Amino acid sequence: MLTYDLDQRGSTPLYEYLYQCIRQDIITGVLHAGERLPSKRTLAQHLSIGIITVANAYAQLAVEGYITSKEKIGYFVEDVSNYRLRRRSAAPAIPEPREKEYLADFKANRISLKNFPLATWSRLMRETLSLQNDELLKTVPYNGVYELRKAIADYLAHNRAMQVDPAQIIIGAGTEYLYGRLLQMFGPACTFAIEEPGYKKFAAISASYGNPWKYIPIDESGMQIDALEESGADVVHVSPANHFPTGIVMPVTRRIELFEWVNRIRKRYIIEDDYDSEFRYNGRFILPLYAQDTQNRVIYINTFSKSLVPSLRISYMVLPRRLLARYGETMSFYSCTVSSFEQYTLARFISEGYFERHINKMKLYYREQRRKILQAIKASPLAKHSQIIERNAGTHFLLHVDTELTEEAVRSAAAAASLQLSFYSDYSYTQTSSDGITLVINYAGIEESKLSEVIKRLEALFITH
């Protein structure tokens, strides 16, 4: 007869504890396959419990296949010999990957975090919870909440001379997500062209979707249009206002050539990545290609990760009107990947003027940061062995160092000195140089208090005293 100490069940329901006990005996072989179980009434009397309790336990065991019921005969144990619970020692915890901390990290995705208006953002978040409570619970439209799309459209009109309807804007969690949707919409038969050097991640995303791509060389005016024409590409990715990593601004003559290229064949489009375009320190802003487009051939992409904080992960793209129906038909089944809570908060941050004030503040901060690091390099012994290449924009510049050292050796020595370097070659697939090393110096995230020590360590990589 089955006997269990039901007082050990604690807060577990009685029928469930009985089910667990019988199940354990079946799995461990205490109860053998084909063995007949006591009737419900007999087991209830033996354990001094209600017959309903036994019936519920048997019913659960039968549903899960541990026992079977034969009408007018009783309950029998099923053969589960291939399923045995084995006691295992606790597996070691999987270590969480932790990003290494450096004295200075020159990677392009680093920014100054201390200047983010956290108090203002926190207040808007709280107010969003109270003012938009009902809206926060609704399903987010595939292209993002209207309030954020309207705020972005107004900002683009006032600060980028772009006339955009909110319906043309698609919100996504990062530019990688938006690129992926474009690649999927255009399909694997579409060939993409990318600047060389340029944004390698776009090429990697393109490859993952099975889209062929071509690398198009640049010169002092940006992408070479003759090479673009020869590539047979259908869609081209460019950064005309601030090419990364060179900082080149595409002049009007090259822009005209690019528009002539895209307008020659109906299926061609331009993806305009307005990367880091907010931070220009001399002269007025550079007019986006989108604002100059008269044939609805430019897809405009930008992100708040660089202008606010990377963790926000909110980017957007503006589709030309001729692509709206196509995108809706092919991509609208995807859910928006940004929570409504963050979207409503950002909408207020933009529409109430906080975003524009923050950009103006950061322009002053980065201009001063740039001046200090350039001055520190020029005052160091490294100046005699290097050349600074910068164009008064963005949060980075190029530093070419005359050295016979290999990039591998410099990278290794830099890591030992707690410096994370970014090389020009990191953004190029085809261009190599045997004449020194060119570094991409992103200074946005370097703390001023550490600047002197950072330059000393950078200098020590190349100069032996």
Protein backbone atom coordinates (compact mmCIF):
# COMPACT_ATOMS: atom_id res chain seq x y z
CA MET A 1 0.00 0.00 0.00
CA LEU A 2 1.22 3.50 -0.84
CA THR A 3 2.16 5.35 2.31
CA TYR A 4 3.31 9.00 2.47
CA ASP A 5 3.85 11.48 5.28
CA LEU A 6 1.37 14.12 4.21
CA ASP A 7 2.38 16.38 7.09
CA GLN A 8 5.56 17.19 5.11
CA ARG A 9 3.63 18.95 2.35
CA GLY A 10 3.93 22.41 3.89
CA SER A 11 1.79 24.90 1.94
CA THR A 12 1.48 22.61 -1.09
CA PRO A 13 -2.12 21.61 -1.84
CA LEU A 14 -2.85 18.10 -0.61
CA TYR A 15 -3.76 16.61 -3.99
CA GLU A 16 -0.67 18.12 -5.59
CA TYR A 17 1.62 16.76 -2.89
CA LEU A 18 0.10 13.28 -3.30
CA TYR A 19 0.57 13.55 -7.07
CA GLN A 20 4.24 14.51 -6.58
CA CYS A 21 4.87 11.57 -4.25
CA ILE A 22 3.33 8.98 -6.58
CA ARG A 23 5.04 10.55 -9.60
CA GLN A 24 8.42 10.38 -7.85
CA ASP A 25 7.92 6.67 -7.04
CA ILE A 26 7.03 5.93 -10.68
CA ILE A 27 10.02 7.81 -12.09
CA THR A 28 12.52 6.30 -9.65
CA GLY A 29 11.20 2.74 -10.19
CA VAL A 30 9.67 2.21 -6.74
CA LEU A 31 6.43 1.61 -8.61
CA HIS A 32 7.00 -0.70 -11.58
CA ALA A 33 5.54 -0.54 -15.05
CA GLY A 34 2.18 -2.40 -15.19
CA GLU A 35 1.76 -2.32 -11.40
CA ARG A 36 -1.80 -1.70 -10.28
CA LEU A 37 -2.43 1.26 -7.99
CA PRO A 38 -4.84 1.13 -5.06
CA SER A 39 -8.38 2.20 -5.86
CA LYS A 40 -9.25 5.79 -5.07
CA ARG A 41 -11.47 4.78 -2.16
CA THR A 42 -8.89 2.35 -0.72
CA LEU A 43 -6.01 4.89 -0.87
CA ALA A 44 -8.22 7.63 0.59
CA GLN A 45 -9.13 5.45 3.57
CA HIS A 46 -5.48 4.36 4.05
CA LEU A 47 -4.18 7.96 4.11
CA SER A 48 -7.21 9.36 5.90
CA ILE A 49 -7.92 11.90 3.17
CA GLY A 50 -10.88 12.65 0.94
CA ILE A 51 -11.57 10.52 -2.11
CA ILE A 52 -11.72 13.71 -4.24
CA THR A 53 -8.10 14.43 -3.28
CA VAL A 54 -6.98 11.03 -4.53
CA ALA A 55 -9.13 11.38 -7.67
CA ASN A 56 -7.49 14.75 -8.51
CA ALA A 57 -3.99 13.31 -7.99
CA TYR A 58 -4.74 10.28 -10.18
CA ALA A 59 -6.30 12.51 -12.84
CA GLN A 60 -3.15 14.66 -13.06
CA LEU A 61 -0.92 11.56 -13.28
CA ALA A 62 -3.11 10.17 -16.07
CA VAL A 63 -3.07 13.45 -18.02
CA GLU A 64 0.72 13.50 -17.93
CA GLY A 65 0.97 9.82 -18.96
CA TYR A 66 2.43 8.35 -15.76
CA ILE A 67 -0.58 6.07 -15.20
CA THR A 68 -3.41 4.77 -17.34
CA SER A 69 -6.99 3.97 -16.41
CA LYS A 70 -8.67 0.75 -17.47
CA GLU A 71 -12.43 0.90 -17.15
CA LYS A 72 -13.84 -1.20 -14.30
CA ILE A 73 -10.37 -2.57 -13.57
CA GLY A 74 -8.34 0.30 -12.09
CA TYR A 75 -5.21 2.43 -12.54
CA PHE A 76 -1.90 1.01 -13.76
CA VAL A 77 1.65 2.41 -13.89
CA GLU A 78 2.98 3.27 -17.34
CA ASP A 79 6.49 2.32 -18.51
CA VAL A 80 8.65 5.44 -18.07
CA SER A 81 11.93 3.56 -17.75
CA ASN A 82 13.53 5.81 -20.39
CA TYR A 83 12.80 8.83 -18.24
CA ARG A 84 14.59 8.85 -14.92
CA LEU A 85 15.35 11.82 -12.75
CA ARG A 86 19.03 11.85 -12.01
CA ARG A 87 20.56 13.78 -9.19
CA ARG A 88 23.13 16.18 -10.51
CA SER A 89 25.58 18.35 -8.74
CA ALA A 90 24.83 22.02 -9.12
CA ALA A 91 26.18 23.30 -12.40
CA PRO A 92 28.65 26.15 -12.11
CA ALA A 93 27.15 29.56 -12.68
CA ILE A 94 27.63 30.93 -16.18
CA PRO A 95 29.76 34.06 -15.78
CA GLU A 96 28.20 37.28 -17.00
CA PRO A 97 30.27 38.90 -19.76
CA ARG A 98 31.64 42.16 -18.44
CA GLU A 99 32.93 44.93 -20.63
CA LYS A 100 36.52 45.75 -19.85
CA GLU A 101 37.14 49.15 -18.33
CA TYR A 102 39.82 51.33 -19.92
CA LEU A 103 41.50 54.52 -18.88
CA ALA A 104 40.44 55.80 -22.31
CA ASP A 105 38.23 54.18 -24.92
CA PHE A 106 38.53 55.74 -28.37
CA LYS A 107 35.79 53.65 -29.94
CA ALA A 108 33.25 55.63 -31.94
CA ASN A 109 30.22 54.63 -29.87
CA ARG A 110 31.49 56.29 -26.68
CA ILE A 111 29.97 59.58 -25.55
CA SER A 112 29.98 61.84 -22.51
CA LEU A 113 27.39 60.44 -20.10
CA LYS A 114 27.81 63.00 -17.31
CA ASN A 115 26.14 65.75 -19.34
CA PHE A 116 22.90 63.89 -19.97
CA PRO A 117 20.03 65.86 -18.32
CA LEU A 118 19.01 62.95 -16.12
CA ALA A 119 16.89 65.05 -13.72
CA THR A 120 14.81 66.45 -16.59
CA TRP A 121 14.47 63.04 -18.22
CA SER A 122 13.41 61.44 -14.92
CA ARG A 123 10.77 64.12 -14.35
CA LEU A 124 9.36 63.64 -17.83
CA MET A 125 9.27 59.91 -17.28
CA ARG A 126 7.21 60.36 -14.10
CA GLU A 127 4.89 62.81 -15.79
CA THR A 128 4.51 60.46 -18.74
CA LEU A 129 3.31 57.73 -16.40
CA SER A 130 0.60 59.98 -15.00
CA LEU A 131 -0.43 61.92 -18.12
CA GLN A 132 -0.34 59.08 -20.65
CA ASN A 133 -1.41 56.22 -18.46
CA ASP A 134 -4.11 54.84 -20.79
CA GLU A 135 -2.01 55.26 -23.92
CA LEU A 136 0.92 53.41 -22.36
CA LEU A 137 -1.17 50.25 -22.15
CA LYS A 138 -2.20 50.19 -25.79
CA THR A 139 -0.45 48.33 -28.59
CA VAL A 140 2.26 50.48 -30.17
CA PRO A 141 1.74 51.07 -33.93
CA TYR A 142 4.34 49.33 -36.08
CA ASN A 143 5.83 52.69 -37.08
CA GLY A 144 5.89 54.14 -33.54
CA VAL A 145 3.58 56.37 -31.51
CA TYR A 146 2.23 59.40 -33.35
CA GLU A 147 3.37 61.91 -30.72
CA LEU A 148 7.04 60.99 -31.17
CA ARG A 149 6.80 60.92 -34.96
CA LYS A 150 5.14 64.37 -34.88
CA ALA A 151 7.84 65.74 -32.55
CA ILE A 152 10.59 64.42 -34.84
CA ALA A 153 8.87 65.83 -37.94
CA ASP A 154 8.65 69.28 -36.32
CA TYR A 155 12.30 69.10 -35.23
CA LEU A 156 13.45 68.15 -38.73
CA ALA A 157 11.47 71.02 -40.22
CA HIS A 158 13.00 73.58 -37.87
CA ASN A 159 16.55 72.22 -37.71
CA ARG A 160 17.11 70.26 -40.95
CA ALA A 161 14.91 72.08 -43.47
CA MET A 162 13.13 68.76 -44.08
CA GLN A 163 9.43 68.77 -44.82
CA VAL A 164 8.26 65.44 -43.44
CA ASP A 165 4.83 64.04 -42.64
CA PRO A 166 4.74 62.00 -39.40
CA ALA A 167 3.39 59.06 -41.43
CA GLN A 168 6.75 58.86 -43.23
CA ILE A 169 8.68 58.22 -40.01
CA ILE A 170 9.45 54.72 -38.71
CA ILE A 171 10.70 54.31 -35.13
CA GLY A 172 13.04 51.42 -34.26
CA ALA A 173 15.39 50.21 -31.54
CA GLY A 174 18.67 51.21 -33.17
CA THR A 175 19.75 51.78 -36.75
CA GLU A 176 20.61 48.07 -37.11
CA TYR A 177 16.91 47.23 -36.73
CA LEU A 178 15.92 49.80 -39.34
CA TYR A 179 18.60 48.61 -41.76
CA GLY A 180 17.33 45.10 -41.34
CA ARG A 181 13.78 46.12 -42.25
CA LEU A 182 15.02 47.96 -45.36
CA LEU A 183 17.11 44.99 -46.46
CA GLN A 184 14.15 42.70 -46.00
CA MET A 185 11.81 45.04 -47.88
CA PHE A 186 14.13 45.44 -50.86
CA GLY A 187 14.85 41.71 -50.94
CA PRO A 188 17.96 39.59 -51.66
CA ALA A 189 17.96 40.51 -55.36
CA CYS A 190 18.81 44.11 -54.47
CA THR A 191 22.50 45.06 -54.48
CA PHE A 192 23.71 47.59 -51.93
CA ALA A 193 26.70 49.91 -52.24
CA ILE A 194 28.69 51.05 -49.21
CA GLU A 195 31.42 53.64 -48.79
CA GLU A 196 34.98 52.32 -48.54
CA PRO A 197 36.09 52.96 -45.86
CA GLY A 198 32.82 53.22 -44.01
CA TYR A 199 30.22 51.64 -41.77
CA LYS A 200 31.21 47.96 -41.64
CA LYS A 201 28.25 46.91 -39.54
CA PHE A 202 25.86 47.74 -42.38
CA ALA A 203 27.80 45.39 -44.65
CA ALA A 204 27.60 42.65 -41.99
CA ILE A 205 23.85 43.13 -41.63
CA SER A 206 23.49 43.08 -45.41
CA ALA A 207 25.40 39.81 -45.60
CA SER A 208 23.22 38.22 -42.90
CA TYR A 209 20.12 38.97 -44.99
CA GLY A 210 21.70 37.57 -48.12
CA ASN A 211 21.91 40.90 -49.93
CA PRO A 212 24.96 41.38 -52.16
CA TRP A 213 26.93 44.56 -51.53
CA LYS A 214 29.69 46.53 -53.18
CA TYR A 215 32.42 48.67 -51.65
CA ILE A 216 32.78 52.01 -53.41
CA PRO A 217 35.99 54.01 -52.89
CA ILE A 218 35.86 57.61 -51.71
CA ASP A 219 37.99 60.64 -52.51
CA GLU A 220 38.11 64.13 -51.00
CA SER A 221 34.53 64.75 -52.15
CA GLY A 222 33.09 61.49 -50.87
CA MET A 223 31.87 58.43 -52.76
CA GLN A 224 33.12 58.18 -56.35
CA ILE A 225 30.03 58.13 -58.56
CA ASP A 226 31.77 56.54 -61.57
CA ALA A 227 32.69 53.55 -59.42
CA LEU A 228 29.14 53.47 -58.03
CA GLU A 229 27.73 53.29 -61.56
CA GLU A 230 30.10 50.49 -62.52
CA SER A 231 29.16 48.48 -59.42
CA GLY A 232 25.63 47.78 -60.65
CA ALA A 233 24.21 48.69 -57.21
CA ASP A 234 20.52 49.49 -56.72
CA VAL A 235 20.72 51.17 -53.30
CA VAL A 236 23.62 53.18 -51.91
CA HIS A 237 24.42 53.98 -48.28
CA VAL A 238 26.16 57.35 -47.77
CA SER A 239 26.97 59.82 -44.97
CA PRO A 240 27.17 63.11 -46.90
CA ALA A 241 27.22 65.51 -43.93
CA ASN A 242 29.95 63.79 -41.93
CA HIS A 243 31.50 60.68 -43.44
CA PHE A 244 32.87 58.26 -40.90
CA PRO A 245 35.73 57.96 -40.25
CA THR A 246 37.18 60.69 -42.50
CA GLY A 247 34.73 63.49 -41.65
CA ILE A 248 34.42 64.41 -45.35
CA VAL A 249 31.47 66.63 -46.30
CA MET A 250 30.06 65.84 -49.73
CA PRO A 251 30.09 69.07 -51.80
CA VAL A 252 27.20 70.16 -53.98
CA THR A 253 28.89 69.04 -57.21
CA ARG A 254 29.20 65.45 -55.95
CA ARG A 255 25.65 65.58 -54.58
CA ILE A 256 24.38 66.53 -58.03
CA GLU A 257 26.25 63.56 -59.52
CA LEU A 258 24.71 61.28 -56.88
CA PHE A 259 21.20 62.53 -57.64
CA GLU A 260 21.82 62.03 -61.35
CA TRP A 261 22.85 58.43 -60.60
CA VAL A 262 19.77 57.64 -58.48
CA ASN A 263 17.33 59.29 -60.90
CA ARG A 264 18.55 57.35 -63.96
CA ILE A 265 16.85 54.08 -62.93
CA ARG A 266 13.52 53.92 -61.09
CA LYS A 267 14.46 51.17 -58.63
CA ARG A 268 17.48 53.05 -57.24
CA TYR A 269 17.48 54.66 -53.80
CA ILE A 270 19.86 56.49 -51.47
CA ILE A 271 20.08 55.66 -47.76
CA GLU A 272 21.31 58.84 -46.08
CA ASP A 273 22.92 58.18 -42.70
CA ASP A 274 23.04 61.55 -40.93
CA TYR A 275 25.53 60.23 -38.38
CA ASP A 276 26.85 62.73 -35.82
CA SER A 277 25.58 65.62 -37.95
CA GLU A 278 24.37 67.67 -34.97
CA PHE A 279 27.92 68.45 -33.87
CA ARG A 280 29.42 70.95 -36.31
CA TYR A 281 31.64 73.61 -34.79
CA ASN A 282 32.24 76.03 -37.68
CA GLY A 283 29.66 77.41 -40.10
CA ARG A 284 26.01 76.39 -40.44
CA PHE A 285 24.62 72.88 -40.55
CA ILE A 286 25.01 70.78 -43.67
CA LEU A 287 21.75 70.44 -45.59
CA PRO A 288 20.64 66.79 -45.76
CA LEU A 289 20.27 65.10 -49.12
CA TYR A 290 16.65 64.46 -48.18
CA ALA A 291 15.98 68.21 -48.13
CA GLN A 292 17.43 68.51 -51.64
CA ASP A 293 15.66 65.47 -53.11
CA THR A 294 12.94 66.32 -55.64
CA GLN A 295 12.21 62.77 -56.86
CA ASN A 296 11.47 60.90 -53.60
CA ARG A 297 14.62 58.76 -53.78
CA VAL A 298 16.25 59.41 -50.36
CA ILE A 299 15.70 57.36 -47.19
CA TYR A 300 16.89 59.40 -44.21
CA ILE A 301 18.20 57.64 -41.06
CA ASN A 302 19.29 59.10 -37.72
CA THR A 303 19.59 58.04 -34.10
CA PHE A 304 19.37 59.49 -30.60
CA SER A 305 22.05 57.11 -29.31
CA LYS A 306 24.87 59.55 -30.09
CA SER A 307 23.09 62.80 -29.23
CA LEU A 308 21.56 61.54 -25.96
CA VAL A 309 22.73 58.19 -24.52
CA PRO A 310 23.48 54.83 -26.20
CA SER A 311 21.18 52.91 -23.86
CA LEU A 312 18.15 54.81 -25.14
CA ARG A 313 18.29 52.72 -28.36
CA ILE A 314 15.83 54.88 -30.30
CA SER A 315 16.46 55.53 -33.98
CA TYR A 316 14.23 56.59 -36.81
CA MET A 317 14.08 56.67 -40.57
CA VAL A 318 12.12 58.86 -42.95
CA LEU A 319 10.80 57.01 -45.97
CA PRO A 320 10.12 58.79 -49.25
CA ARG A 321 6.39 58.87 -50.00
CA ARG A 322 6.81 56.46 -52.91
CA LEU A 323 7.99 53.72 -50.49
CA LEU A 324 5.30 54.13 -47.80
CA ALA A 325 2.78 51.72 -49.30
CA ARG A 326 5.46 49.14 -50.07
CA TYR A 327 6.83 49.28 -46.52
CA GLY A 328 3.35 49.03 -45.02
CA GLU A 329 2.46 46.02 -47.15
CA THR A 330 5.68 44.11 -46.45
CA MET A 331 6.89 45.20 -43.02
CA SER A 332 3.89 46.35 -40.96
CA PHE A 333 3.48 42.90 -39.40
CA TYR A 334 6.62 43.62 -37.33
CA SER A 335 5.87 45.17 -33.95
CA CYS A 336 7.57 48.41 -32.98
CA THR A 337 10.64 47.53 -30.91
CA VAL A 338 10.62 50.63 -28.67
CA SER A 339 8.31 50.80 -25.66
CA SER A 340 5.55 53.39 -25.70
CA PHE A 341 6.80 54.64 -22.32
CA GLU A 342 10.16 55.71 -23.77
CA GLN A 343 8.56 57.06 -26.94
CA TYR A 344 6.15 59.34 -25.10
CA THR A 345 8.95 60.57 -22.84
CA LEU A 346 11.23 61.35 -25.79
CA ALA A 347 8.36 63.07 -27.60
CA ARG A 348 7.97 65.51 -24.72
CA PHE A 349 11.74 65.91 -24.41
CA ILE A 350 11.85 67.05 -28.04
CA SER A 351 8.63 69.05 -28.29
CA GLU A 352 9.27 71.00 -25.09
CA GLY A 353 12.69 72.13 -26.34
CA TYR A 354 14.92 70.06 -24.05
CA PHE A 355 16.53 68.15 -26.89
CA GLU A 356 17.57 71.26 -28.80
CA ARG A 357 18.96 72.86 -25.63
CA HIS A 358 20.87 69.67 -24.87
CA ILE A 359 22.40 69.60 -28.38
CA ASN A 360 23.50 73.23 -28.04
CA LYS A 361 25.06 72.47 -24.66
CA MET A 362 26.89 69.44 -26.02
CA LYS A 363 28.22 71.41 -28.98
CA LEU A 364 29.95 73.75 -26.55
CA TYR A 365 31.19 70.86 -24.44
CA TYR A 366 32.58 68.83 -27.36
CA ARG A 367 34.12 71.90 -28.97
CA GLU A 368 36.05 72.55 -25.77
CA GLN A 369 36.89 68.87 -25.37
CA ARG A 370 38.20 68.82 -28.94
CA ARG A 371 40.31 71.95 -28.35
CA LYS A 372 41.91 70.49 -25.24
CA ILE A 373 42.83 67.12 -26.73
CA LEU A 374 44.20 68.71 -29.93
CA GLN A 375 46.23 71.13 -27.83
CA ALA A 376 47.54 68.29 -25.66
CA ILE A 377 48.67 66.30 -28.71
CA LYS A 378 50.32 69.31 -30.32
CA ALA A 379 52.20 70.04 -27.07
CA SER A 380 53.48 66.48 -26.70
CA PRO A 381 56.52 64.85 -28.36
CA LEU A 382 54.00 62.86 -30.41
CA ALA A 383 53.35 65.98 -32.51
CA LYS A 384 56.70 65.63 -34.30
CA HIS A 385 55.80 62.14 -35.44
CA SER A 386 52.13 62.58 -36.31
CA GLN A 387 49.59 64.49 -38.35
CA ILE A 388 46.11 65.49 -37.16
CA ILE A 389 43.36 65.21 -39.77
CA GLU A 390 40.12 66.81 -38.61
CA ARG A 391 37.26 68.78 -40.15
CA ASN A 392 35.66 70.74 -37.29
CA ALA A 393 32.77 68.33 -36.93
CA GLY A 394 31.61 65.24 -35.09
CA THR A 395 33.30 63.85 -32.00
CA HIS A 396 36.35 62.28 -33.61
CA PHE A 397 39.36 63.03 -35.78
CA LEU A 398 42.14 61.06 -37.44
CA LEU A 399 45.69 60.89 -36.10
CA HIS A 400 48.27 59.57 -38.54
CA VAL A 401 51.48 58.44 -36.83
CA ASP A 402 54.75 57.85 -38.68
CA THR A 403 55.94 54.53 -37.29
CA GLU A 404 57.29 51.19 -38.39
CA LEU A 405 55.27 49.38 -35.74
CA THR A 406 52.49 47.06 -36.84
CA GLU A 407 48.89 47.68 -35.89
CA GLU A 408 48.86 44.37 -34.03
CA ALA A 409 51.80 45.45 -31.89
CA VAL A 410 50.29 48.87 -31.19
CA ARG A 411 46.90 47.40 -30.36
CA SER A 412 48.45 44.93 -27.92
CA ALA A 413 50.59 47.59 -26.25
CA ALA A 414 47.59 49.90 -25.99
CA ALA A 415 45.50 47.25 -24.25
CA ALA A 416 48.31 46.74 -21.75
CA ALA A 417 48.29 50.50 -21.16
CA SER A 418 44.50 50.47 -20.61
CA LEU A 419 43.78 52.19 -23.90
CA GLN A 420 41.15 50.93 -26.34
CA LEU A 421 42.23 52.10 -29.79
CA SER A 422 40.29 52.43 -33.01
CA PHE A 423 42.22 52.12 -36.28
CA TYR A 424 41.33 53.57 -39.67
CA SER A 425 41.78 50.07 -41.09
CA ASP A 426 38.97 48.84 -38.82
CA TYR A 427 36.55 50.58 -41.19
CA SER A 428 38.11 49.45 -44.45
CA TYR A 429 37.99 46.16 -46.31
CA THR A 430 40.34 46.87 -49.17
CA GLN A 431 42.62 49.77 -48.26
CA THR A 432 45.93 48.99 -46.60
CA SER A 433 48.87 51.21 -45.80
CA SER A 434 52.48 50.43 -45.11
CA ASP A 435 53.23 54.07 -44.34
CA GLY A 436 52.56 54.44 -40.64
CA ILE A 437 49.36 53.96 -38.66
CA THR A 438 46.17 56.04 -38.66
CA LEU A 439 44.08 56.11 -35.51
CA VAL A 440 40.46 57.20 -35.18
CA ILE A 441 40.39 59.34 -32.05
CA ASN A 442 36.89 59.55 -30.59
CA TYR A 443 37.27 61.97 -27.70
CA ALA A 444 33.62 62.21 -26.59
CA GLY A 445 33.92 59.82 -23.65
CA ILE A 446 37.38 60.82 -22.37
CA GLU A 447 37.25 62.48 -18.96
CA GLU A 448 39.06 65.81 -18.76
CA SER A 449 40.80 64.84 -15.52
CA LYS A 450 42.42 61.89 -17.30
CA LEU A 451 43.38 63.71 -20.49
CA SER A 452 47.00 64.39 -19.58
CA GLU A 453 47.64 60.77 -18.58
CA VAL A 454 45.86 59.48 -21.70
CA ILE A 455 48.12 61.53 -23.99
CA LYS A 456 51.22 60.34 -22.12
CA ARG A 457 50.24 56.72 -22.59
CA LEU A 458 49.32 57.29 -26.23
CA GLU A 459 52.67 58.93 -26.80
CA ALA A 460 54.49 56.05 -25.07
CA LEU A 461 53.06 53.59 -27.60
CA PHE A 462 55.09 55.14 -30.38
CA ILE A 463 57.98 57.02 -28.79
CA THR A 464 60.76 55.47 -26.72
CA HIS A 465 62.41 57.95 -24.40
